[in-house]
Amino acid sequence: MKEEYTYHEPVMLAECLEGLNIHPDGTYVDVTFGGGGHSKAIVEQLVDGKLYAFDQDVDAKPNAASLRGLKFTLIEANFRHLRRYLKLYGVQTIDGLLADLGVSSHQINSAERGFSTRYQADLDMRMDTRASLTAQQIVNDYPEDRLHRIFGMYGEVHNARTLAATIAKERVNRPIRTVNDLKEATHRLAPRGKENKYYAQVFQALRIEVNDELKALEEMLTQATEMLRPGGRLVVMSYHSLEDRLVKNLIAKGKFAGEVEKDLFGNEIKPLKAISRKAITASEEEVQRNPRSRSAKLRIAEKL
């Protein structure tokens, strides 16, 4: 199995399949195709059913070669356009949707993509390499107050204001173009002994802004909830608190922020019910085998 998933080993595969509660003739969506590990396992359980997979990264396309057929369709688009593309295929409702929101191992290990702090590369971080906005543009062109907001909100960086001010000062002397340029410009701000964690937060903030990840996630989850048939399942795996909070609130309250709404009789108005009370996490065995599963939180909900 290890060879099959060299692009990206699927996290909590068994738990995701169980959460989807797959019917052989159902219609399912994997909005984060990546290496295709989850999709392949779903297709294996389908007889007359259909799986539609989304991925905006052109590097993921070759992984679909072995899945071509009546039961599988790859849609090369951002999952925020879920409803639009499914309608093109005549799909109005679905039986289940899976989202694995982590950055793929392939993207992290592709030095030229600029996702990792480990490699010398241009600051890029685009999930869709056809998109125009890069991390380099954000670092060099965004005003200081906007950088402060991004680092504080998306990276939860404790010294976000100082970080933004430092970048704004450094880029006056020379543009910050590469991963190393950014690290050199800000190395004085990283807590001693916790440099890797600090830069991971900084890079997370930039990546979220480059790809508009949280807004895209909200749009996808809203459409998915509307398209699920009664009894259909929403299965979402997140890797940081910002994503998990959106998913948790949608399931618990029917919206991304604020309190749950109630009708005239005091009944809660929400379209989903949680299948697992708490987020599901990977087993110790899986964490040992696949360290990136350590931070994954899986939430499963059913359409009422």
Foldseek 3Di string as FASTA:
>chain_A
DVVLAPFFDDFPLVVLVVLQVDDQAFEEEEADCGLNNNVVVNLVSHDNHAYEYEAQAPVNVVSCVVVDDDRYHYDNDHLLCVCVVVVVVVAQAGQEYEYEPDDGPNCQPPQQCQLHLPHKYWQALDSRPVDDDGLQCCLQPPQLVVQLCLLCPQLVQPPSSVLSVQSNVVVVVPRQTISVSSCVSCVVPAPPPCNRSNVNSSSRSSNCVRHVPVVSLQSSVVSNLVRYDAFGKYKYKDQDDSSVQQVVCCQVAVGNDDHFDADPVRHTDHFKHWPDPFWDAGDPVVCVVPVSSHRITMTMIGGD
